[in-house]
């Protein structure tokens, strides 16, 4: 039997490797294929400089973590209704969400995240009466680019970079008079 660990910090740096022998055989490869068995877990099991696991014991954030968390925290704070998000399905290559609150008006706010996908545009089919303010959120560079207002059927150009998001917010009525 393999070693049994008694503490989670004993597992740091010991991510298991699995040889994918069936693929090696099927593809008649002479090379070994190894898969590292872990999942996307940003900062979830990061080791602090004091040799402790950050998620279980707390710790100090270093480098780019504090400003990134502040940027994302502000995006979340701006969600109407103040209760967070619930996921919806729009397209296969994105994660989309709307406010998860009875206080938020239905169909008034959408947050669409493309993760490592890098689309060049996104088409939307909204009603002809509702104007939306469109923002591109660059979650890597922590910037927001305002693209103006759109309604009905429209296409939003995207920069073709990973870690981008779109935010569509229903525009206030007084701000729609000058929209094109």
N, C-alpha and C. Protein backbone atom coordinates (compact mmCIF):
# COMPACT_ATOMS: atom_id res chain seq x y z
N UNK A 1 0.84 -1.17 0.00
CA UNK A 1 0.00 0.00 0.00
C UNK A 1 0.89 1.24 0.00
N UNK A 2 0.42 2.26 -0.70
CA UNK A 2 1.17 3.51 -0.76
C UNK A 2 1.12 4.22 0.58
N UNK A 3 1.97 5.21 0.73
CA UNK A 3 2.03 5.96 1.99
C UNK A 3 0.71 6.69 2.22
N UNK A 4 0.25 6.67 3.44
CA UNK A 4 -0.95 7.40 3.84
C UNK A 4 -0.50 8.64 4.57
N UNK A 5 -0.98 9.81 4.13
CA UNK A 5 -0.57 11.08 4.71
C UNK A 5 -1.53 11.47 5.83
N UNK A 6 -1.04 12.20 6.79
CA UNK A 6 -1.84 12.62 7.94
C UNK A 6 -2.17 14.10 7.93
N UNK A 7 -1.63 14.84 6.99
CA UNK A 7 -1.88 16.28 6.93
C UNK A 7 -1.85 16.73 5.48
N UNK A 8 -2.72 17.67 5.12
CA UNK A 8 -2.79 18.14 3.73
C UNK A 8 -1.48 18.78 3.28
N UNK A 9 -0.74 19.42 4.19
CA UNK A 9 0.50 20.07 3.77
C UNK A 9 1.57 19.05 3.37
N UNK A 10 1.39 17.79 3.71
CA UNK A 10 2.33 16.75 3.27
C UNK A 10 2.13 16.42 1.78
N UNK A 11 1.01 16.85 1.22
CA UNK A 11 0.71 16.56 -0.19
C UNK A 11 1.21 17.63 -1.14
N UNK A 12 1.66 18.76 -0.63
CA UNK A 12 2.12 19.85 -1.49
C UNK A 12 3.31 19.37 -2.31
N UNK A 13 3.21 19.61 -3.62
CA UNK A 13 4.29 19.21 -4.52
C UNK A 13 4.27 17.73 -4.87
N UNK A 14 3.23 17.02 -4.48
CA UNK A 14 3.14 15.59 -4.76
C UNK A 14 1.91 15.28 -5.62
N UNK A 15 1.62 16.13 -6.60
CA UNK A 15 0.50 15.88 -7.48
C UNK A 15 0.73 14.57 -8.22
N UNK A 16 -0.21 13.64 -8.16
CA UNK A 16 0.00 12.33 -8.80
C UNK A 16 0.10 12.43 -10.32
N UNK A 17 0.91 11.55 -10.89
CA UNK A 17 1.03 11.42 -12.34
C UNK A 17 0.42 10.09 -12.75
N UNK A 18 -0.29 10.09 -13.86
CA UNK A 18 -0.92 8.88 -14.39
C UNK A 18 -0.39 8.64 -15.79
N UNK A 19 0.17 7.47 -16.03
CA UNK A 19 0.63 7.14 -17.37
C UNK A 19 -0.58 6.74 -18.21
N UNK A 20 -0.72 7.35 -19.37
CA UNK A 20 -1.83 7.06 -20.27
C UNK A 20 -1.43 5.97 -21.27
N UNK A 21 -1.21 4.78 -20.72
CA UNK A 21 -0.70 3.66 -21.51
C UNK A 21 -1.64 3.26 -22.63
N UNK A 22 -2.94 3.36 -22.41
CA UNK A 22 -3.88 2.98 -23.45
C UNK A 22 -3.74 3.86 -24.70
N UNK A 23 -3.47 5.14 -24.51
CA UNK A 23 -3.25 6.03 -25.66
C UNK A 23 -1.92 5.69 -26.33
N UNK A 24 -0.92 5.41 -25.53
CA UNK A 24 0.38 5.03 -26.09
C UNK A 24 0.22 3.80 -26.99
N UNK A 25 -0.55 2.81 -26.50
CA UNK A 25 -0.76 1.59 -27.29
C UNK A 25 -1.60 1.87 -28.54
N UNK A 26 -2.73 2.56 -28.37
CA UNK A 26 -3.63 2.82 -29.49
C UNK A 26 -2.96 3.62 -30.61
N UNK A 27 -2.12 4.55 -30.23
CA UNK A 27 -1.45 5.41 -31.21
C UNK A 27 -0.07 4.88 -31.60
N UNK A 28 0.30 3.72 -31.04
CA UNK A 28 1.60 3.09 -31.31
C UNK A 28 2.75 4.07 -31.09
N UNK A 29 2.71 4.73 -29.95
CA UNK A 29 3.72 5.71 -29.62
C UNK A 29 4.91 5.06 -28.92
N UNK A 30 6.07 5.59 -29.19
CA UNK A 30 7.26 5.12 -28.49
C UNK A 30 7.51 5.98 -27.26
N UNK A 31 6.80 7.08 -27.15
CA UNK A 31 6.97 7.98 -26.01
C UNK A 31 5.99 7.62 -24.91
N UNK A 32 6.30 8.03 -23.69
CA UNK A 32 5.39 7.87 -22.57
C UNK A 32 4.56 9.15 -22.44
N UNK A 33 3.27 9.00 -22.20
CA UNK A 33 2.40 10.15 -21.97
C UNK A 33 1.98 10.11 -20.51
N UNK A 34 2.28 11.18 -19.80
CA UNK A 34 1.92 11.28 -18.39
C UNK A 34 0.95 12.43 -18.21
N UNK A 35 -0.10 12.21 -17.42
CA UNK A 35 -1.07 13.25 -17.11
C UNK A 35 -0.91 13.63 -15.64
N UNK A 36 -0.87 14.91 -15.39
CA UNK A 36 -0.78 15.40 -14.02
C UNK A 36 -2.22 15.55 -13.50
N UNK A 37 -2.56 14.89 -12.43
CA UNK A 37 -3.93 14.85 -11.92
C UNK A 37 -4.20 16.01 -10.97
N UNK A 38 -4.61 17.13 -11.57
CA UNK A 38 -5.01 18.28 -10.79
C UNK A 38 -6.06 19.03 -11.58
N UNK A 39 -6.65 20.03 -11.00
CA UNK A 39 -7.66 20.82 -11.69
C UNK A 39 -7.38 22.28 -11.44
N UNK A 40 -8.06 23.13 -12.22
CA UNK A 40 -7.86 24.57 -12.08
C UNK A 40 -8.33 24.99 -10.69
N UNK A 41 -7.44 25.52 -9.92
CA UNK A 41 -7.74 25.90 -8.55
C UNK A 41 -6.85 27.08 -8.16
N UNK A 42 -7.08 28.26 -8.78
CA UNK A 42 -6.18 29.37 -8.54
C UNK A 42 -6.12 29.76 -7.06
N UNK A 43 -4.96 29.69 -6.51
CA UNK A 43 -4.66 30.06 -5.12
C UNK A 43 -5.29 29.12 -4.11
N UNK A 44 -6.06 28.14 -4.54
CA UNK A 44 -6.76 27.27 -3.61
C UNK A 44 -5.83 26.44 -2.75
N UNK A 45 -4.74 25.97 -3.29
CA UNK A 45 -3.81 25.19 -2.48
C UNK A 45 -2.40 25.76 -2.61
N UNK A 46 -2.33 27.07 -2.75
CA UNK A 46 -1.03 27.71 -2.84
C UNK A 46 -0.35 27.68 -1.48
N UNK A 47 0.93 27.47 -1.49
CA UNK A 47 1.70 27.44 -0.25
C UNK A 47 2.22 28.84 0.02
N UNK A 48 1.99 29.32 1.22
CA UNK A 48 2.47 30.63 1.62
C UNK A 48 3.98 30.56 1.82
N UNK A 49 4.63 31.69 1.88
CA UNK A 49 6.07 31.71 2.10
C UNK A 49 6.45 31.20 3.48
N UNK A 50 5.46 31.13 4.38
CA UNK A 50 5.70 30.61 5.72
C UNK A 50 5.47 29.10 5.78
N UNK A 51 5.46 28.42 4.63
CA UNK A 51 5.27 26.98 4.51
C UNK A 51 3.97 26.53 5.19
N UNK A 52 2.90 27.16 4.80
CA UNK A 52 1.58 26.72 5.24
C UNK A 52 0.63 26.85 4.06
N UNK A 53 -0.43 26.09 4.09
CA UNK A 53 -1.39 26.12 2.99
C UNK A 53 -2.31 27.32 3.19
N UNK A 54 -2.36 28.17 2.19
CA UNK A 54 -3.07 29.44 2.28
C UNK A 54 -4.55 29.25 2.57
N UNK A 55 -5.21 28.29 1.87
CA UNK A 55 -6.65 28.16 2.02
C UNK A 55 -7.06 27.65 3.39
N UNK A 56 -6.21 26.95 4.10
CA UNK A 56 -6.63 26.42 5.39
C UNK A 56 -6.14 27.23 6.57
N UNK A 57 -5.06 27.98 6.40
CA UNK A 57 -4.48 28.71 7.51
C UNK A 57 -4.44 30.22 7.28
N UNK A 58 -4.88 30.68 6.13
CA UNK A 58 -4.76 32.10 5.82
C UNK A 58 -3.34 32.43 5.42
N UNK A 59 -3.12 33.63 5.02
CA UNK A 59 -1.78 34.02 4.63
C UNK A 59 -1.78 35.38 3.97
N UNK A 60 -0.64 35.76 3.47
CA UNK A 60 -0.47 37.05 2.82
C UNK A 60 -0.50 36.86 1.32
N UNK A 61 -1.25 37.69 0.64
CA UNK A 61 -1.28 37.65 -0.82
C UNK A 61 -0.08 38.42 -1.35
N UNK A 62 0.60 37.86 -2.33
CA UNK A 62 1.78 38.48 -2.91
C UNK A 62 1.56 38.75 -4.39
N UNK A 63 2.41 39.58 -4.96
CA UNK A 63 2.43 39.79 -6.40
C UNK A 63 1.16 40.46 -6.91
N UNK A 64 0.55 39.85 -7.94
CA UNK A 64 -0.60 40.44 -8.61
C UNK A 64 -1.93 40.05 -7.99
N UNK A 65 -1.94 39.18 -7.00
CA UNK A 65 -3.20 38.73 -6.41
C UNK A 65 -4.05 39.87 -5.84
N UNK A 66 -3.53 40.76 -4.99
CA UNK A 66 -4.39 41.79 -4.39
C UNK A 66 -5.09 42.68 -5.42
N UNK A 67 -4.38 43.23 -6.43
CA UNK A 67 -5.11 44.08 -7.38
C UNK A 67 -6.11 43.29 -8.23
N UNK A 68 -5.79 42.05 -8.58
CA UNK A 68 -6.74 41.24 -9.35
C UNK A 68 -8.00 40.95 -8.55
N UNK A 69 -7.83 40.59 -7.28
CA UNK A 69 -8.99 40.34 -6.44
C UNK A 69 -9.81 41.61 -6.24
N UNK A 70 -9.15 42.75 -6.14
CA UNK A 70 -9.87 44.02 -6.00
C UNK A 70 -10.67 44.32 -7.27
N UNK A 71 -10.08 44.08 -8.44
CA UNK A 71 -10.77 44.31 -9.71
C UNK A 71 -12.01 43.41 -9.80
N UNK A 72 -11.83 42.12 -9.54
CA UNK A 72 -12.95 41.18 -9.63
C UNK A 72 -14.00 41.46 -8.55
N UNK A 73 -13.55 41.88 -7.39
CA UNK A 73 -14.48 42.24 -6.31
C UNK A 73 -15.37 43.41 -6.73
N UNK A 74 -14.78 44.39 -7.43
CA UNK A 74 -15.57 45.54 -7.88
C UNK A 74 -16.58 45.11 -8.95
N UNK A 75 -16.18 44.21 -9.85
CA UNK A 75 -17.12 43.69 -10.86
C UNK A 75 -18.31 43.03 -10.16
N UNK A 76 -18.03 42.22 -9.14
CA UNK A 76 -19.10 41.55 -8.41
C UNK A 76 -19.95 42.53 -7.61
N UNK A 77 -19.32 43.57 -7.06
CA UNK A 77 -20.06 44.55 -6.27
C UNK A 77 -21.05 45.34 -7.14
N UNK A 78 -20.77 45.45 -8.43
CA UNK A 78 -21.62 46.21 -9.35
C UNK A 78 -22.82 45.42 -9.87
N UNK A 79 -22.96 44.16 -9.46
CA UNK A 79 -24.07 43.34 -9.94
C UNK A 79 -25.37 43.84 -9.31
N UNK A 80 -26.39 44.09 -10.10
CA UNK A 80 -27.67 44.56 -9.55
C UNK A 80 -28.26 43.53 -8.57
N UNK A 81 -28.86 44.03 -7.51
CA UNK A 81 -29.50 43.15 -6.54
C UNK A 81 -28.60 42.69 -5.43
N UNK A 82 -27.29 42.71 -5.64
CA UNK A 82 -26.33 42.41 -4.59
C UNK A 82 -26.33 41.00 -4.05
N UNK A 83 -26.83 40.02 -4.79
CA UNK A 83 -26.88 38.64 -4.28
C UNK A 83 -26.02 37.68 -5.08
N UNK A 84 -25.16 38.15 -5.96
CA UNK A 84 -24.33 37.25 -6.74
C UNK A 84 -24.94 36.90 -8.08
N UNK A 85 -24.43 35.82 -8.68
CA UNK A 85 -24.82 35.44 -10.03
C UNK A 85 -25.34 34.01 -10.09
N UNK A 86 -26.14 33.74 -11.11
CA UNK A 86 -26.53 32.37 -11.43
C UNK A 86 -26.22 32.16 -12.90
N UNK A 87 -25.78 30.96 -13.22
CA UNK A 87 -25.35 30.70 -14.59
C UNK A 87 -26.54 30.51 -15.52
N UNK A 88 -26.32 30.88 -16.78
CA UNK A 88 -27.28 30.65 -17.86
C UNK A 88 -26.49 30.14 -19.06
N UNK A 89 -27.17 29.53 -20.00
CA UNK A 89 -26.49 29.04 -21.20
C UNK A 89 -26.78 29.98 -22.36
N UNK A 90 -25.71 30.54 -22.94
CA UNK A 90 -25.84 31.35 -24.15
C UNK A 90 -25.11 30.69 -25.31
N UNK A 91 -23.82 30.38 -25.15
CA UNK A 91 -23.01 29.77 -26.19
C UNK A 91 -22.08 28.73 -25.58
N UNK A 92 -21.55 27.86 -26.42
CA UNK A 92 -20.72 26.74 -25.95
C UNK A 92 -19.37 27.17 -25.41
N UNK A 93 -18.85 28.30 -25.85
CA UNK A 93 -17.46 28.68 -25.53
C UNK A 93 -17.37 29.77 -24.47
N UNK A 94 -18.36 29.86 -23.60
CA UNK A 94 -18.36 30.92 -22.62
C UNK A 94 -19.08 30.47 -21.35
N UNK A 95 -18.86 31.22 -20.30
CA UNK A 95 -19.61 31.06 -19.06
C UNK A 95 -20.42 32.34 -18.93
N UNK A 96 -21.74 32.21 -18.89
CA UNK A 96 -22.60 33.38 -18.81
C UNK A 96 -23.43 33.33 -17.54
N UNK A 97 -23.74 34.52 -17.01
CA UNK A 97 -24.49 34.58 -15.77
C UNK A 97 -25.35 35.84 -15.72
N UNK A 98 -26.38 35.78 -14.91
CA UNK A 98 -27.28 36.90 -14.66
C UNK A 98 -27.41 37.04 -13.13
N UNK A 99 -27.91 38.19 -12.65
CA UNK A 99 -28.05 38.36 -11.20
C UNK A 99 -28.93 37.28 -10.58
N UNK A 100 -28.53 36.80 -9.43
CA UNK A 100 -29.30 35.81 -8.69
C UNK A 100 -29.99 36.52 -7.52
N UNK A 101 -30.98 37.32 -7.88
CA UNK A 101 -31.64 38.14 -6.86
C UNK A 101 -33.06 38.48 -7.31
N UNK A 102 -34.01 38.38 -6.41
CA UNK A 102 -35.36 38.82 -6.76
C UNK A 102 -35.45 40.34 -6.90
N UNK A 103 -34.43 41.05 -6.44
CA UNK A 103 -34.42 42.51 -6.54
C UNK A 103 -33.96 43.00 -7.91
N UNK A 104 -33.28 42.15 -8.66
CA UNK A 104 -32.75 42.56 -9.97
C UNK A 104 -33.82 42.35 -11.04
N UNK A 105 -33.93 43.32 -11.92
CA UNK A 105 -34.87 43.24 -13.03
C UNK A 105 -34.42 42.16 -14.02
N UNK A 106 -35.35 41.31 -14.44
CA UNK A 106 -35.01 40.23 -15.37
C UNK A 106 -34.54 40.79 -16.72
N UNK A 107 -33.58 40.15 -17.31
CA UNK A 107 -33.02 40.54 -18.62
C UNK A 107 -32.42 41.95 -18.61
N UNK A 108 -31.81 42.33 -17.50
CA UNK A 108 -31.25 43.68 -17.41
C UNK A 108 -29.74 43.68 -17.23
N UNK A 109 -29.12 42.50 -17.02
CA UNK A 109 -27.69 42.43 -16.77
C UNK A 109 -27.18 41.06 -17.17
N UNK A 110 -26.09 41.05 -17.94
CA UNK A 110 -25.46 39.79 -18.35
C UNK A 110 -23.95 39.94 -18.17
N UNK A 111 -23.32 38.92 -17.62
CA UNK A 111 -21.87 38.87 -17.52
C UNK A 111 -21.43 37.60 -18.25
N UNK A 112 -20.58 37.76 -19.26
CA UNK A 112 -20.17 36.65 -20.11
C UNK A 112 -18.65 36.56 -20.08
N UNK A 113 -18.12 35.41 -19.65
CA UNK A 113 -16.68 35.22 -19.50
C UNK A 113 -16.20 34.17 -20.50
N UNK A 114 -15.09 34.45 -21.19
CA UNK A 114 -14.61 33.56 -22.24
C UNK A 114 -13.40 32.71 -21.82
N UNK A 115 -12.91 32.83 -20.61
CA UNK A 115 -11.75 32.09 -20.08
C UNK A 115 -10.61 32.09 -21.10
N UNK A 116 -10.11 30.91 -21.45
CA UNK A 116 -8.98 30.85 -22.38
C UNK A 116 -9.42 30.95 -23.84
N UNK A 117 -10.71 30.92 -24.11
CA UNK A 117 -11.20 31.12 -25.48
C UNK A 117 -10.88 32.56 -25.88
N UNK A 118 -10.75 32.80 -27.14
CA UNK A 118 -10.40 34.14 -27.59
C UNK A 118 -11.22 34.53 -28.83
N UNK A 119 -12.55 34.62 -28.68
CA UNK A 119 -13.37 34.96 -29.85
C UNK A 119 -13.11 36.38 -30.33
N UNK A 120 -13.37 36.61 -31.60
CA UNK A 120 -13.18 37.93 -32.19
C UNK A 120 -14.45 38.77 -32.17
N UNK A 121 -15.59 38.13 -31.93
CA UNK A 121 -16.84 38.86 -31.84
C UNK A 121 -17.88 38.00 -31.12
N UNK A 122 -18.97 38.63 -30.72
CA UNK A 122 -20.09 37.91 -30.15
C UNK A 122 -21.36 38.58 -30.61
N UNK A 123 -22.31 37.78 -31.13
CA UNK A 123 -23.60 38.30 -31.60
C UNK A 123 -24.64 38.16 -30.50
N UNK A 124 -25.49 39.17 -30.39
CA UNK A 124 -26.58 39.15 -29.41
C UNK A 124 -27.89 39.45 -30.12
N UNK A 125 -28.94 38.84 -29.61
CA UNK A 125 -30.30 39.04 -30.13
C UNK A 125 -31.18 39.45 -28.94
N UNK A 126 -31.26 40.75 -28.72
CA UNK A 126 -32.06 41.29 -27.62
C UNK A 126 -33.33 41.92 -28.21
N UNK A 127 -34.22 42.35 -27.34
CA UNK A 127 -35.43 43.00 -27.87
C UNK A 127 -35.07 44.38 -28.41
N UNK A 128 -35.93 44.91 -29.26
CA UNK A 128 -35.66 46.18 -29.93
C UNK A 128 -35.88 47.40 -29.03
N UNK A 129 -36.49 47.22 -27.88
CA UNK A 129 -36.81 48.35 -27.01
C UNK A 129 -35.74 48.62 -25.95
N UNK A 130 -35.02 47.58 -25.53
CA UNK A 130 -34.10 47.71 -24.40
C UNK A 130 -32.69 48.04 -24.88
N UNK A 131 -32.16 49.16 -24.39
CA UNK A 131 -30.79 49.55 -24.68
C UNK A 131 -29.87 48.94 -23.63
N UNK A 132 -28.71 48.46 -24.07
CA UNK A 132 -27.71 47.90 -23.16
C UNK A 132 -26.40 48.67 -23.30
N UNK A 133 -25.81 49.00 -22.16
CA UNK A 133 -24.45 49.54 -22.14
C UNK A 133 -23.51 48.34 -22.19
N UNK A 134 -22.52 48.39 -23.10
CA UNK A 134 -21.62 47.27 -23.34
C UNK A 134 -20.22 47.62 -22.85
N UNK A 135 -19.64 46.71 -22.04
CA UNK A 135 -18.27 46.86 -21.56
C UNK A 135 -17.49 45.59 -21.85
N UNK A 136 -16.24 45.76 -22.27
CA UNK A 136 -15.32 44.63 -22.35
C UNK A 136 -14.45 44.70 -21.10
N UNK A 137 -14.40 43.59 -20.37
CA UNK A 137 -13.57 43.51 -19.17
C UNK A 137 -12.37 42.63 -19.49
N UNK A 138 -11.21 43.19 -19.39
CA UNK A 138 -9.97 42.43 -19.57
C UNK A 138 -9.53 42.02 -18.17
N UNK A 139 -9.84 40.79 -17.79
CA UNK A 139 -9.58 40.36 -16.42
C UNK A 139 -8.09 40.18 -16.14
N UNK A 140 -7.30 40.01 -17.20
CA UNK A 140 -5.85 39.85 -17.00
C UNK A 140 -5.19 41.20 -16.74
N UNK A 141 -5.51 42.19 -17.59
CA UNK A 141 -4.93 43.52 -17.44
C UNK A 141 -5.75 44.43 -16.53
N UNK A 142 -6.88 43.93 -16.06
CA UNK A 142 -7.73 44.64 -15.10
C UNK A 142 -8.21 45.98 -15.65
N UNK A 143 -8.74 45.95 -16.87
CA UNK A 143 -9.25 47.17 -17.50
C UNK A 143 -10.68 46.96 -17.97
N UNK A 144 -11.40 48.06 -18.09
CA UNK A 144 -12.77 48.05 -18.61
C UNK A 144 -12.81 49.00 -19.79
N UNK A 145 -13.28 48.52 -20.94
CA UNK A 145 -13.42 49.35 -22.13
C UNK A 145 -14.90 49.50 -22.44
N UNK A 146 -15.39 50.73 -22.43
CA UNK A 146 -16.80 51.00 -22.70
C UNK A 146 -17.00 51.08 -24.21
N UNK A 147 -17.97 50.33 -24.72
CA UNK A 147 -18.24 50.31 -26.15
C UNK A 147 -19.51 51.05 -26.54
N UNK A 148 -20.17 51.67 -25.60
CA UNK A 148 -21.39 52.40 -25.92
C UNK A 148 -22.63 51.57 -25.70
N UNK A 149 -23.72 51.95 -26.40
CA UNK A 149 -25.02 51.31 -26.19
C UNK A 149 -25.49 50.61 -27.47
N UNK A 150 -26.20 49.49 -27.27
CA UNK A 150 -26.76 48.74 -28.39
C UNK A 150 -28.15 48.22 -27.97
N UNK A 151 -28.96 47.92 -28.98
CA UNK A 151 -30.26 47.28 -28.74
C UNK A 151 -30.59 46.39 -29.92
N UNK A 152 -31.57 45.53 -29.75
CA UNK A 152 -31.98 44.65 -30.83
C UNK A 152 -30.93 43.59 -31.13
N UNK A 153 -30.64 43.42 -32.40
CA UNK A 153 -29.63 42.46 -32.85
C UNK A 153 -28.34 43.22 -33.12
N UNK A 154 -27.23 42.80 -32.48
CA UNK A 154 -25.98 43.51 -32.65
C UNK A 154 -24.80 42.58 -32.46
N UNK A 155 -23.65 43.02 -32.98
CA UNK A 155 -22.41 42.28 -32.84
C UNK A 155 -21.43 43.12 -32.03
N UNK A 156 -20.78 42.47 -31.07
CA UNK A 156 -19.78 43.15 -30.24
C UNK A 156 -18.40 42.65 -30.69
N UNK A 157 -17.54 43.54 -31.18
CA UNK A 157 -16.18 43.12 -31.53
C UNK A 157 -15.37 42.85 -30.27
N UNK A 158 -14.58 41.80 -30.30
CA UNK A 158 -13.73 41.43 -29.15
C UNK A 158 -12.28 41.40 -29.59
N UNK A 159 -11.35 41.57 -28.66
CA UNK A 159 -9.93 41.65 -29.01
C UNK A 159 -9.26 40.33 -29.36
N UNK A 160 -9.94 39.20 -29.23
CA UNK A 160 -9.32 37.92 -29.58
C UNK A 160 -8.23 37.50 -28.62
N UNK A 161 -8.35 37.87 -27.35
CA UNK A 161 -7.37 37.52 -26.31
C UNK A 161 -8.08 36.68 -25.25
N UNK A 162 -7.34 35.83 -24.56
CA UNK A 162 -7.97 35.06 -23.49
C UNK A 162 -8.29 35.93 -22.27
N UNK A 163 -9.14 35.40 -21.40
CA UNK A 163 -9.52 35.99 -20.12
C UNK A 163 -10.30 37.29 -20.26
N UNK A 164 -11.08 37.38 -21.33
CA UNK A 164 -11.92 38.55 -21.56
C UNK A 164 -13.34 38.25 -21.10
N UNK A 165 -14.07 39.28 -20.76
CA UNK A 165 -15.47 39.15 -20.38
C UNK A 165 -16.25 40.30 -21.00
N UNK A 166 -17.54 40.09 -21.17
CA UNK A 166 -18.45 41.13 -21.62
C UNK A 166 -19.46 41.39 -20.52
N UNK A 167 -19.76 42.66 -20.32
CA UNK A 167 -20.81 43.02 -19.38
C UNK A 167 -21.85 43.83 -20.14
N UNK A 168 -23.09 43.39 -20.09
CA UNK A 168 -24.20 44.09 -20.70
C UNK A 168 -25.13 44.54 -19.58
N UNK A 169 -25.32 45.85 -19.46
CA UNK A 169 -26.19 46.39 -18.42
C UNK A 169 -27.28 47.21 -19.10
N UNK A 170 -28.51 46.99 -18.67
CA UNK A 170 -29.61 47.79 -19.20
C UNK A 170 -29.33 49.26 -18.92
N UNK A 171 -29.38 50.07 -19.98
CA UNK A 171 -29.09 51.51 -19.83
C UNK A 171 -30.29 52.21 -19.21
N UNK A 172 -30.00 53.20 -18.41
CA UNK A 172 -31.08 53.99 -17.83
C UNK A 172 -31.77 54.75 -18.95
N UNK A 173 -33.05 54.93 -18.84
CA UNK A 173 -33.87 55.54 -19.90
C UNK A 173 -33.31 56.90 -20.32
N UNK A 174 -32.88 57.72 -19.39
CA UNK A 174 -32.39 59.06 -19.72
C UNK A 174 -31.10 59.02 -20.53
N UNK A 175 -30.36 57.90 -20.48
CA UNK A 175 -29.12 57.79 -21.21
C UNK A 175 -29.30 57.21 -22.61
N UNK A 176 -30.51 56.87 -22.99
CA UNK A 176 -30.75 56.21 -24.28
C UNK A 176 -31.09 57.19 -25.38
N UNK A 177 -31.47 58.41 -25.03
CA UNK A 177 -31.89 59.37 -26.04
C UNK A 177 -30.80 59.70 -27.03
N UNK A 178 -29.53 59.72 -26.56
CA UNK A 178 -28.43 60.08 -27.44
C UNK A 178 -27.74 58.87 -28.06
N UNK A 179 -28.26 57.65 -27.80
CA UNK A 179 -27.65 56.44 -28.36
C UNK A 179 -27.95 56.30 -29.83
N UNK A 180 -27.01 55.75 -30.55
CA UNK A 180 -27.24 55.58 -31.99
C UNK A 180 -27.73 54.20 -32.28
